[in-house]
């Protein structure tokens, strides 16, 4: 799988800074690999993370070195966030 962490972070930054209600989409039949990431607010408007595909964590334990392994995709300082879509979030047992 391709590492989509940077694209995910950039999409979050753009969406969070928008004054309009915004949706970030993980499309159906798409799997994105996301390394440990902090997604912080406050955001300017309502935000939806629509997971119709799959988000997976990296299998390599070295990516967690120096990081809290309990914070893979870490939302903080965010209100008015909806996560939906019926897709899969796979932490790979980490």
PDB file of N, CA and C in Angstrom:
ATOM      1  N   UNK A   1       0.837  -1.192   0.000  1.00  0.00           N
ATOM      2  CA  UNK A   1       0.000   0.000   0.000  1.00  0.00           C
ATOM      3  C   UNK A   1       0.873   1.243   0.000  1.00  0.00           C
ATOM      4  N   UNK A   2       0.383   2.282  -0.625  1.00  0.00           N
ATOM      5  CA  UNK A   2       1.087   3.558  -0.604  1.00  0.00           C
ATOM      6  C   UNK A   2       0.865   4.250   0.728  1.00  0.00           C
ATOM      7  N   UNK A   3       1.849   4.981   1.187  1.00  0.00           N
ATOM      8  CA  UNK A   3       1.737   5.756   2.417  1.00  0.00           C
ATOM      9  C   UNK A   3       0.978   7.044   2.102  1.00  0.00           C
ATOM     10  N   UNK A   4      -0.233   7.150   2.626  1.00  0.00           N
ATOM     11  CA  UNK A   4      -1.089   8.306   2.369  1.00  0.00           C
ATOM     12  C   UNK A   4      -1.089   9.304   3.521  1.00  0.00           C
ATOM     13  N   UNK A   5      -0.148   9.168   4.448  1.00  0.00           N
ATOM     14  CA  UNK A   5      -0.144  10.018   5.639  1.00  0.00           C
ATOM     15  C   UNK A   5      -0.075  11.495   5.283  1.00  0.00           C
ATOM     16  N   UNK A   6       0.829  11.867   4.399  1.00  0.00           N
ATOM     17  CA  UNK A   6       0.984  13.279   4.045  1.00  0.00           C
ATOM     18  C   UNK A   6      -0.272  13.814   3.358  1.00  0.00           C
ATOM     19  N   UNK A   7      -0.841  13.049   2.456  1.00  0.00           N
ATOM     20  CA  UNK A   7      -2.071  13.477   1.780  1.00  0.00           C
ATOM     21  C   UNK A   7      -3.214  13.620   2.779  1.00  0.00           C
ATOM     22  N   UNK A   8      -3.290  12.692   3.729  1.00  0.00           N
ATOM     23  CA  UNK A   8      -4.322  12.740   4.767  1.00  0.00           C
ATOM     24  C   UNK A   8      -4.150  14.006   5.608  1.00  0.00           C
ATOM     25  N   UNK A   9      -2.904  14.302   6.004  1.00  0.00           N
ATOM     26  CA  UNK A   9      -2.621  15.491   6.815  1.00  0.00           C
ATOM     27  C   UNK A   9      -2.966  16.769   6.054  1.00  0.00           C
ATOM     28  N   UNK A  10      -2.629  16.822   4.779  1.00  0.00           N
ATOM     29  CA  UNK A  10      -2.927  18.006   3.970  1.00  0.00           C
ATOM     30  C   UNK A  10      -4.430  18.183   3.778  1.00  0.00           C
ATOM     31  N   UNK A  11      -5.145  17.080   3.555  1.00  0.00           N
ATOM     32  CA  UNK A  11      -6.603  17.158   3.413  1.00  0.00           C
ATOM     33  C   UNK A  11      -7.227  17.662   4.711  1.00  0.00           C
ATOM     34  N   UNK A  12      -6.723  17.163   5.844  1.00  0.00           N
ATOM     35  CA  UNK A  12      -7.237  17.609   7.148  1.00  0.00           C
ATOM     36  C   UNK A  12      -6.996  19.111   7.324  1.00  0.00           C
ATOM     37  N   UNK A  13      -5.797  19.565   7.019  1.00  0.00           N
ATOM     38  CA  UNK A  13      -5.449  20.974   7.207  1.00  0.00           C
ATOM     39  C   UNK A  13      -6.356  21.871   6.367  1.00  0.00           C
ATOM     40  N   UNK A  14      -6.563  21.494   5.104  1.00  0.00           N
ATOM     41  CA  UNK A  14      -7.435  22.285   4.224  1.00  0.00           C
ATOM     42  C   UNK A  14      -8.876  22.276   4.718  1.00  0.00           C
ATOM     43  N   UNK A  15      -9.362  21.086   5.084  1.00  0.00           N
ATOM     44  CA  UNK A  15     -10.750  20.964   5.527  1.00  0.00           C
ATOM     45  C   UNK A  15     -10.976  21.715   6.836  1.00  0.00           C
ATOM     46  N   UNK A  16     -10.045  21.591   7.757  1.00  0.00           N
ATOM     47  CA  UNK A  16     -10.189  22.213   9.071  1.00  0.00           C
ATOM     48  C   UNK A  16     -10.140  23.740   8.982  1.00  0.00           C
ATOM     49  N   UNK A  17      -9.422  24.266   8.021  1.00  0.00           N
ATOM     50  CA  UNK A  17      -9.309  25.719   7.884  1.00  0.00           C
ATOM     51  C   UNK A  17     -10.426  26.325   7.027  1.00  0.00           C
ATOM     52  N   UNK A  18     -11.249  25.481   6.414  1.00  0.00           N
ATOM     53  CA  UNK A  18     -12.339  25.975   5.576  1.00  0.00           C
ATOM     54  C   UNK A  18     -13.467  26.548   6.436  1.00  0.00           C
ATOM     55  N   UNK A  19     -14.070  27.611   5.950  1.00  0.00           N
ATOM     56  CA  UNK A  19     -15.219  28.195   6.643  1.00  0.00           C
ATOM     57  C   UNK A  19     -16.521  27.501   6.242  1.00  0.00           C
ATOM     58  N   UNK A  20     -16.432  26.606   5.262  1.00  0.00           N
ATOM     59  CA  UNK A  20     -17.603  25.874   4.782  1.00  0.00           C
ATOM     60  C   UNK A  20     -17.592  24.450   5.327  1.00  0.00           C
ATOM     61  N   UNK A  21     -18.764  23.882   5.525  1.00  0.00           N
ATOM     62  CA  UNK A  21     -18.871  22.483   5.934  1.00  0.00           C
ATOM     63  C   UNK A  21     -18.115  21.634   4.910  1.00  0.00           C
ATOM     64  N   UNK A  22     -17.255  20.742   5.395  1.00  0.00           N
ATOM     65  CA  UNK A  22     -16.350  20.017   4.511  1.00  0.00           C
ATOM     66  C   UNK A  22     -16.372  18.525   4.799  1.00  0.00           C
ATOM     67  N   UNK A  23     -16.116  17.737   3.752  1.00  0.00           N
ATOM     68  CA  UNK A  23     -16.067  16.281   3.866  1.00  0.00           C
ATOM     69  C   UNK A  23     -14.732  15.791   3.316  1.00  0.00           C
ATOM     70  N   UNK A  24     -14.044  14.955   4.113  1.00  0.00           N
ATOM     71  CA  UNK A  24     -12.851  14.250   3.648  1.00  0.00           C
ATOM     72  C   UNK A  24     -13.305  12.835   3.341  1.00  0.00           C
ATOM     73  N   UNK A  25     -13.003  12.332   2.159  1.00  0.00           N
ATOM     74  CA  UNK A  25     -13.504  11.033   1.715  1.00  0.00           C
ATOM     75  C   UNK A  25     -12.375  10.038   1.505  1.00  0.00           C
ATOM     76  N   UNK A  26     -12.522   8.873   2.126  1.00  0.00           N
ATOM     77  CA  UNK A  26     -11.719   7.698   1.781  1.00  0.00           C
ATOM     78  C   UNK A  26     -12.656   6.855   0.925  1.00  0.00           C
ATOM     79  N   UNK A  27     -12.451   6.815  -0.392  1.00  0.00           N
ATOM     80  CA  UNK A  27     -13.426   6.191  -1.286  1.00  0.00           C
ATOM     81  C   UNK A  27     -13.536   4.678  -1.114  1.00  0.00           C
ATOM     82  N   UNK A  28     -14.692   4.175  -1.487  1.00  0.00           N
ATOM     83  CA  UNK A  28     -14.939   2.736  -1.490  1.00  0.00           C
ATOM     84  C   UNK A  28     -13.906   2.064  -2.394  1.00  0.00           C
ATOM     85  N   UNK A  29     -13.491   0.868  -2.027  1.00  0.00           N
ATOM     86  CA  UNK A  29     -12.503   0.076  -2.778  1.00  0.00           C
ATOM     87  C   UNK A  29     -11.113   0.714  -2.775  1.00  0.00           C
ATOM     88  N   UNK A  30     -10.854   1.610  -1.833  1.00  0.00           N
ATOM     89  CA  UNK A  30      -9.525   2.211  -1.699  1.00  0.00           C
ATOM     90  C   UNK A  30      -9.009   1.940  -0.292  1.00  0.00           C
ATOM     91  N   UNK A  31      -7.740   1.571  -0.196  1.00  0.00           N
ATOM     92  CA  UNK A  31      -7.102   1.361   1.098  1.00  0.00           C
ATOM     93  C   UNK A  31      -5.983   2.370   1.244  1.00  0.00           C
ATOM     94  N   UNK A  32      -6.026   3.136   2.322  1.00  0.00           N
ATOM     95  CA  UNK A  32      -4.946   4.094   2.553  1.00  0.00           C
ATOM     96  C   UNK A  32      -4.209   3.729   3.833  1.00  0.00           C
ATOM     97  N   UNK A  33      -2.905   3.740   3.732  1.00  0.00           N
ATOM     98  CA  UNK A  33      -2.019   3.500   4.860  1.00  0.00           C
ATOM     99  C   UNK A  33      -1.747   4.845   5.514  1.00  0.00           C
ATOM    100  N   UNK A  34      -2.024   4.933   6.805  1.00  0.00           N
ATOM    101  CA  UNK A  34      -1.790   6.172   7.536  1.00  0.00           C
ATOM    102  C   UNK A  34      -0.911   5.869   8.740  1.00  0.00           C
ATOM    103  N   UNK A  35       0.238   6.519   8.783  1.00  0.00           N
ATOM    104  CA  UNK A  35       1.150   6.396   9.927  1.00  0.00           C
ATOM    105  C   UNK A  35       0.591   7.214  11.095  1.00  0.00           C
ATOM    106  N   UNK A  36       1.171   7.106  12.291  1.00  0.00           N
ATOM    107  CA  UNK A  36       0.671   7.893  13.422  1.00  0.00           C
ATOM    108  C   UNK A  36       0.554   9.374  13.048  1.00  0.00           C
ATOM    109  N   UNK A  37      -0.599   9.948  13.381  1.00  0.00           N
ATOM    110  CA  UNK A  37      -0.895  11.315  12.944  1.00  0.00           C
ATOM    111  C   UNK A  37      -1.758  12.017  13.982  1.00  0.00           C
ATOM    112  N   UNK A  38      -1.464  13.292  14.235  1.00  0.00           N
ATOM    113  CA  UNK A  38      -2.293  14.147  15.084  1.00  0.00           C
ATOM    114  C   UNK A  38      -3.146  15.014  14.178  1.00  0.00           C
ATOM    115  N   UNK A  39      -4.447  14.962  14.384  1.00  0.00           N
ATOM    116  CA  UNK A  39      -5.378  15.791  13.627  1.00  0.00           C
ATOM    117  C   UNK A  39      -6.013  16.743  14.625  1.00  0.00           C
ATOM    118  N   UNK A  40      -5.551  17.986  14.612  1.00  0.00           N
ATOM    119  CA  UNK A  40      -5.949  18.913  15.662  1.00  0.00           C
ATOM    120  C   UNK A  40      -6.856  20.013  15.135  1.00  0.00           C
ATOM    121  N   UNK A  41      -7.576  20.598  16.063  1.00  0.00           N
ATOM    122  CA  UNK A  41      -8.447  21.717  15.803  1.00  0.00           C
ATOM    123  C   UNK A  41      -7.963  22.913  16.596  1.00  0.00           C
ATOM    124  N   UNK A  42      -8.783  23.912  16.730  1.00  0.00           N
ATOM    125  CA  UNK A  42     -10.185  23.886  16.340  1.00  0.00           C
ATOM    126  C   UNK A  42     -10.351  24.087  14.831  1.00  0.00           C
ATOM    127  N   UNK A  43     -11.424  23.520  14.318  1.00  0.00           N
ATOM    128  CA  UNK A  43     -11.772  23.697  12.913  1.00  0.00           C
ATOM    129  C   UNK A  43     -12.793  24.821  12.802  1.00  0.00           C
ATOM    130  N   UNK A  44     -12.823  25.471  11.658  1.00  0.00           N
ATOM    131  CA  UNK A  44     -13.689  26.633  11.472  1.00  0.00           C
ATOM    132  C   UNK A  44     -15.146  26.269  11.202  1.00  0.00           C
ATOM    133  N   UNK A  45     -15.400  25.068  10.699  1.00  0.00           N
ATOM    134  CA  UNK A  45     -16.770  24.664  10.372  1.00  0.00           C
ATOM    135  C   UNK A  45     -16.927  23.166  10.635  1.00  0.00           C
ATOM    136  N   UNK A  46     -18.138  22.688  10.461  1.00  0.00           N
ATOM    137  CA  UNK A  46     -18.394  21.249  10.627  1.00  0.00           C
ATOM    138  C   UNK A  46     -17.546  20.463   9.637  1.00  0.00           C
ATOM    139  N   UNK A  47     -17.108  19.293  10.085  1.00  0.00           N
ATOM    140  CA  UNK A  47     -16.223  18.470   9.273  1.00  0.00           C
ATOM    141  C   UNK A  47     -16.686  17.027   9.361  1.00  0.00           C
ATOM    142  N   UNK A  48     -16.736  16.347   8.224  1.00  0.00           N
ATOM    143  CA  UNK A  48     -17.075  14.927   8.176  1.00  0.00           C
ATOM    144  C   UNK A  48     -15.916  14.162   7.571  1.00  0.00           C
ATOM    145  N   UNK A  49     -15.506  13.106   8.252  1.00  0.00           N
ATOM    146  CA  UNK A  49     -14.541  12.154   7.712  1.00  0.00           C
ATOM    147  C   UNK A  49     -15.360  10.950   7.272  1.00  0.00           C
ATOM    148  N   UNK A  50     -15.531  10.799   5.966  1.00  0.00           N
ATOM    149  CA  UNK A  50     -16.327   9.704   5.416  1.00  0.00           C
ATOM    150  C   UNK A  50     -15.394   8.583   4.993  1.00  0.00           C
ATOM    151  N   UNK A  51     -15.433   7.481   5.741  1.00  0.00           N
ATOM    152  CA  UNK A  51     -14.591   6.324   5.451  1.00  0.00           C
ATOM    153  C   UNK A  51     -15.464   5.278   4.768  1.00  0.00           C
ATOM    154  N   UNK A  52     -15.428   5.267   3.451  1.00  0.00           N
ATOM    155  CA  UNK A  52     -16.162   4.256   2.690  1.00  0.00           C
ATOM    156  C   UNK A  52     -15.234   3.116   2.297  1.00  0.00           C
ATOM    157  N   UNK A  53     -13.945   3.391   2.257  1.00  0.00           N
ATOM    158  CA  UNK A  53     -12.926   2.380   1.973  1.00  0.00           C
ATOM    159  C   UNK A  53     -12.303   1.891   3.261  1.00  0.00           C
ATOM    160  N   UNK A  54     -10.970   1.785   3.278  1.00  0.00           N
ATOM    161  CA  UNK A  54     -10.248   1.251   4.433  1.00  0.00           C
ATOM    162  C   UNK A  54      -9.061   2.141   4.773  1.00  0.00           C
ATOM    163  N   UNK A  55      -8.885   2.389   6.058  1.00  0.00           N
ATOM    164  CA  UNK A  55      -7.680   3.037   6.569  1.00  0.00           C
ATOM    165  C   UNK A  55      -6.940   1.976   7.370  1.00  0.00           C
ATOM    166  N   UNK A  56      -5.650   1.773   7.070  1.00  0.00           N
ATOM    167  CA  UNK A  56      -4.866   0.788   7.811  1.00  0.00           C
ATOM    168  C   UNK A  56      -3.656   1.450   8.465  1.00  0.00           C
ATOM    169  N   UNK A  57      -3.265   0.869   9.594  1.00  0.00           N
ATOM    170  CA  UNK A  57      -2.051   1.294  10.296  1.00  0.00           C
ATOM    171  C   UNK A  57      -0.862   0.553   9.706  1.00  0.00           C
ATOM    172  N   UNK A  58       0.332   1.096   9.857  1.00  0.00           N
ATOM    173  CA  UNK A  58       1.516   0.379   9.385  1.00  0.00           C
ATOM    174  C   UNK A  58       1.785  -0.855  10.239  1.00  0.00           C
ATOM    175  N   UNK A  59       2.312  -1.897   9.612  1.00  0.00           N
ATOM    176  CA  UNK A  59       2.667  -3.119  10.343  1.00  0.00           C
ATOM    177  C   UNK A  59       3.995  -2.967  11.073  1.00  0.00           C
ATOM    178  N   UNK A  60       4.869  -2.117  10.558  1.00  0.00           N
ATOM    179  CA  UNK A  60       6.221  -1.960  11.086  1.00  0.00           C
ATOM    180  C   UNK A  60       6.204  -1.267  12.446  1.00  0.00           C
ATOM    181  N   UNK A  61       6.606  -1.965  13.524  1.00  0.00           N
ATOM    182  CA  UNK A  61       6.580  -1.345  14.850  1.00  0.00           C
ATOM    183  C   UNK A  61       7.570  -0.193  14.998  1.00  0.00           C
ATOM    184  N   UNK A  62       8.552  -0.087  14.111  1.00  0.00           N
ATOM    185  CA  UNK A  62       9.530   1.000  14.202  1.00  0.00           C
ATOM    186  C   UNK A  62       8.902   2.378  14.003  1.00  0.00           C
ATOM    187  N   UNK A  63       7.761   2.458  13.310  1.00  0.00           N
ATOM    188  CA  UNK A  63       7.134   3.765  13.095  1.00  0.00           C
ATOM    189  C   UNK A  63       6.599   4.344  14.397  1.00  0.00           C
ATOM    190  N   UNK A  64       6.443   3.517  15.418  1.00  0.00           N
ATOM    191  CA  UNK A  64       5.907   3.970  16.699  1.00  0.00           C
ATOM    192  C   UNK A  64       7.014   4.427  17.649  1.00  0.00           C
ATOM    193  N   UNK A  65       8.279   4.230  17.280  1.00  0.00           N
ATOM    194  CA  UNK A  65       9.375   4.568  18.189  1.00  0.00           C
ATOM    195  C   UNK A  65       9.313   6.040  18.591  1.00  0.00           C
ATOM    196  N   UNK A  66       9.292   6.269  19.890  1.00  0.00           N
ATOM    197  CA  UNK A  66       9.227   7.624  20.421  1.00  0.00           C
ATOM    198  C   UNK A  66       7.829   8.209  20.437  1.00  0.00           C
ATOM    199  N   UNK A  67       6.848   7.454  19.966  1.00  0.00           N
ATOM    200  CA  UNK A  67       5.462   7.921  19.928  1.00  0.00           C
ATOM    201  C   UNK A  67       4.602   7.079  20.860  1.00  0.00           C
ATOM    202  N   UNK A  68       3.482   7.614  21.256  1.00  0.00           N
ATOM    203  CA  UNK A  68       2.539   6.872  22.077  1.00  0.00           C
ATOM    204  C   UNK A  68       1.785   5.892  21.175  1.00  0.00           C
ATOM    205  N   UNK A  69       1.963   4.571  21.377  1.00  0.00           N
ATOM    206  CA  UNK A  69       1.305   3.599  20.503  1.00  0.00           C
ATOM    207  C   UNK A  69      -0.214   3.579  20.654  1.00  0.00           C
ATOM    208  N   UNK A  70      -0.734   4.279  21.638  1.00  0.00           N
ATOM    209  CA  UNK A  70      -2.190   4.363  21.807  1.00  0.00           C
ATOM    210  C   UNK A  70      -2.785   5.516  21.003  1.00  0.00           C
ATOM    211  N   UNK A  71      -1.947   6.268  20.333  1.00  0.00           N
ATOM    212  CA  UNK A  71      -2.412   7.411  19.546  1.00  0.00           C
ATOM    213  C   UNK A  71      -2.010   7.213  18.092  1.00  0.00           C
ATOM    214  N   UNK A  72      -2.799   6.464  17.391  1.00  0.00           N
ATOM    215  CA  UNK A  72      -2.526   6.229  15.971  1.00  0.00           C
ATOM    216  C   UNK A  72      -3.101   7.393  15.159  1.00  0.00           C
ATOM    217  N   UNK A  73      -4.418   7.493  15.112  1.00  0.00           N
ATOM    218  CA  UNK A  73      -5.077   8.642  14.488  1.00  0.00           C
ATOM    219  C   UNK A  73      -5.698   9.408  15.652  1.00  0.00           C
ATOM    220  N   UNK A  74      -5.062  10.513  16.019  1.00  0.00           N
ATOM    221  CA  UNK A  74      -5.391  11.217  17.252  1.00  0.00           C
ATOM    222  C   UNK A  74      -6.079  12.542  16.937  1.00  0.00           C
ATOM    223  N   UNK A  75      -7.383  12.597  17.225  1.00  0.00           N
ATOM    224  CA  UNK A  75      -8.152  13.829  17.069  1.00  0.00           C
ATOM    225  C   UNK A  75      -8.112  14.578  18.398  1.00  0.00           C
ATOM    226  N   UNK A  76      -7.770  15.852  18.378  1.00  0.00           N
ATOM    227  CA  UNK A  76      -7.835  16.640  19.609  1.00  0.00           C
ATOM    228  C   UNK A  76      -8.131  18.100  19.278  1.00  0.00           C
ATOM    229  N   UNK A  77      -8.852  18.742  20.208  1.00  0.00           N
ATOM    230  CA  UNK A  77      -9.239  20.129  20.010  1.00  0.00           C
ATOM    231  C   UNK A  77     -10.255  20.299  18.904  1.00  0.00           C
ATOM    232  N   UNK A  78     -10.995  19.230  18.607  1.00  0.00           N
ATOM    233  CA  UNK A  78     -11.937  19.246  17.487  1.00  0.00           C
ATOM    234  C   UNK A  78     -13.353  19.053  18.013  1.00  0.00           C
ATOM    235  N   UNK A  79     -14.252  19.913  17.591  1.00  0.00           N
ATOM    236  CA  UNK A  79     -15.674  19.710  17.860  1.00  0.00           C
ATOM    237  C   UNK A  79     -16.382  19.727  16.512  1.00  0.00           C
ATOM    238  N   UNK A  80     -17.608  19.299  16.493  1.00  0.00           N
ATOM    239  CA  UNK A  80     -18.412  19.257  15.264  1.00  0.00           C
ATOM    240  C   UNK A  80     -17.779  18.370  14.195  1.00  0.00           C
ATOM    241  N   UNK A  81     -17.246  17.215  14.638  1.00  0.00           N
ATOM    242  CA  UNK A  81     -16.661  16.227  13.729  1.00  0.00           C
ATOM    243  C   UNK A  81     -17.573  15.011  13.665  1.00  0.00           C
ATOM    244  N   UNK A  82     -17.860  14.558  12.463  1.00  0.00           N
ATOM    245  CA  UNK A  82     -18.614  13.326  12.248  1.00  0.00           C
ATOM    246  C   UNK A  82     -17.721  12.359  11.490  1.00  0.00           C
ATOM    247  N   UNK A  83     -17.683  11.109  11.951  1.00  0.00           N
ATOM    248  CA  UNK A  83     -16.985  10.046  11.231  1.00  0.00           C
ATOM    249  C   UNK A  83     -18.050   9.049  10.810  1.00  0.00           C
ATOM    250  N   UNK A  84     -18.171   8.814   9.506  1.00  0.00           N
ATOM    251  CA  UNK A  84     -19.181   7.884   9.010  1.00  0.00           C
ATOM    252  C   UNK A  84     -18.676   7.212   7.745  1.00  0.00           C
ATOM    253  N   UNK A  85     -19.544   6.477   7.067  1.00  0.00           N
ATOM    254  CA  UNK A  85     -19.208   5.912   5.770  1.00  0.00           C
ATOM    255  C   UNK A  85     -19.296   4.409   5.668  1.00  0.00           C
ATOM    256  N   UNK A  86     -19.289   3.700   6.797  1.00  0.00           N
ATOM    257  CA  UNK A  86     -19.435   2.253   6.745  1.00  0.00           C
ATOM    258  C   UNK A  86     -18.198   1.499   6.301  1.00  0.00           C
ATOM    259  N   UNK A  87     -17.056   2.182   6.206  1.00  0.00           N
ATOM    260  CA  UNK A  87     -15.816   1.525   5.810  1.00  0.00           C
ATOM    261  C   UNK A  87     -15.127   0.872   6.993  1.00  0.00           C
ATOM    262  N   UNK A  88     -13.814   0.666   6.868  1.00  0.00           N
ATOM    263  CA  UNK A  88     -13.041  -0.064   7.871  1.00  0.00           C
ATOM    264  C   UNK A  88     -11.855   0.765   8.339  1.00  0.00           C
ATOM    265  N   UNK A  89     -11.630   0.746   9.650  1.00  0.00           N
ATOM    266  CA  UNK A  89     -10.420   1.308  10.243  1.00  0.00           C
ATOM    267  C   UNK A  89      -9.700   0.122  10.865  1.00  0.00           C
ATOM    268  N   UNK A  90      -8.551  -0.251  10.297  1.00  0.00           N
ATOM    269  CA  UNK A  90      -7.829  -1.453  10.707  1.00  0.00           C
ATOM    270  C   UNK A  90      -6.507  -1.055  11.356  1.00  0.00           C
ATOM    271  N   UNK A  91      -6.440  -1.186  12.680  1.00  0.00           N
ATOM    272  CA  UNK A  91      -5.236  -0.849  13.428  1.00  0.00           C
ATOM    273  C   UNK A  91      -4.164  -1.912  13.368  1.00  0.00           C
ATOM    274  N   UNK A  92      -4.388  -2.963  12.621  1.00  0.00           N
ATOM    275  CA  UNK A  92      -3.418  -4.046  12.429  1.00  0.00           C
ATOM    276  C   UNK A  92      -2.990  -4.675  13.755  1.00  0.00           C
ATOM    277  N   UNK A  93      -3.870  -4.619  14.747  1.00  0.00           N
ATOM    278  CA  UNK A  93      -3.581  -5.254  16.030  1.00  0.00           C
ATOM    279  C   UNK A  93      -2.552  -4.521  16.853  1.00  0.00           C
ATOM    280  N   UNK A  94      -2.237  -3.287  16.492  1.00  0.00           N
ATOM    281  CA  UNK A  94      -1.212  -2.520  17.211  1.00  0.00           C
ATOM    282  C   UNK A  94      -1.836  -1.699  18.314  1.00  0.00           C
TER     283      UNK A  94
END
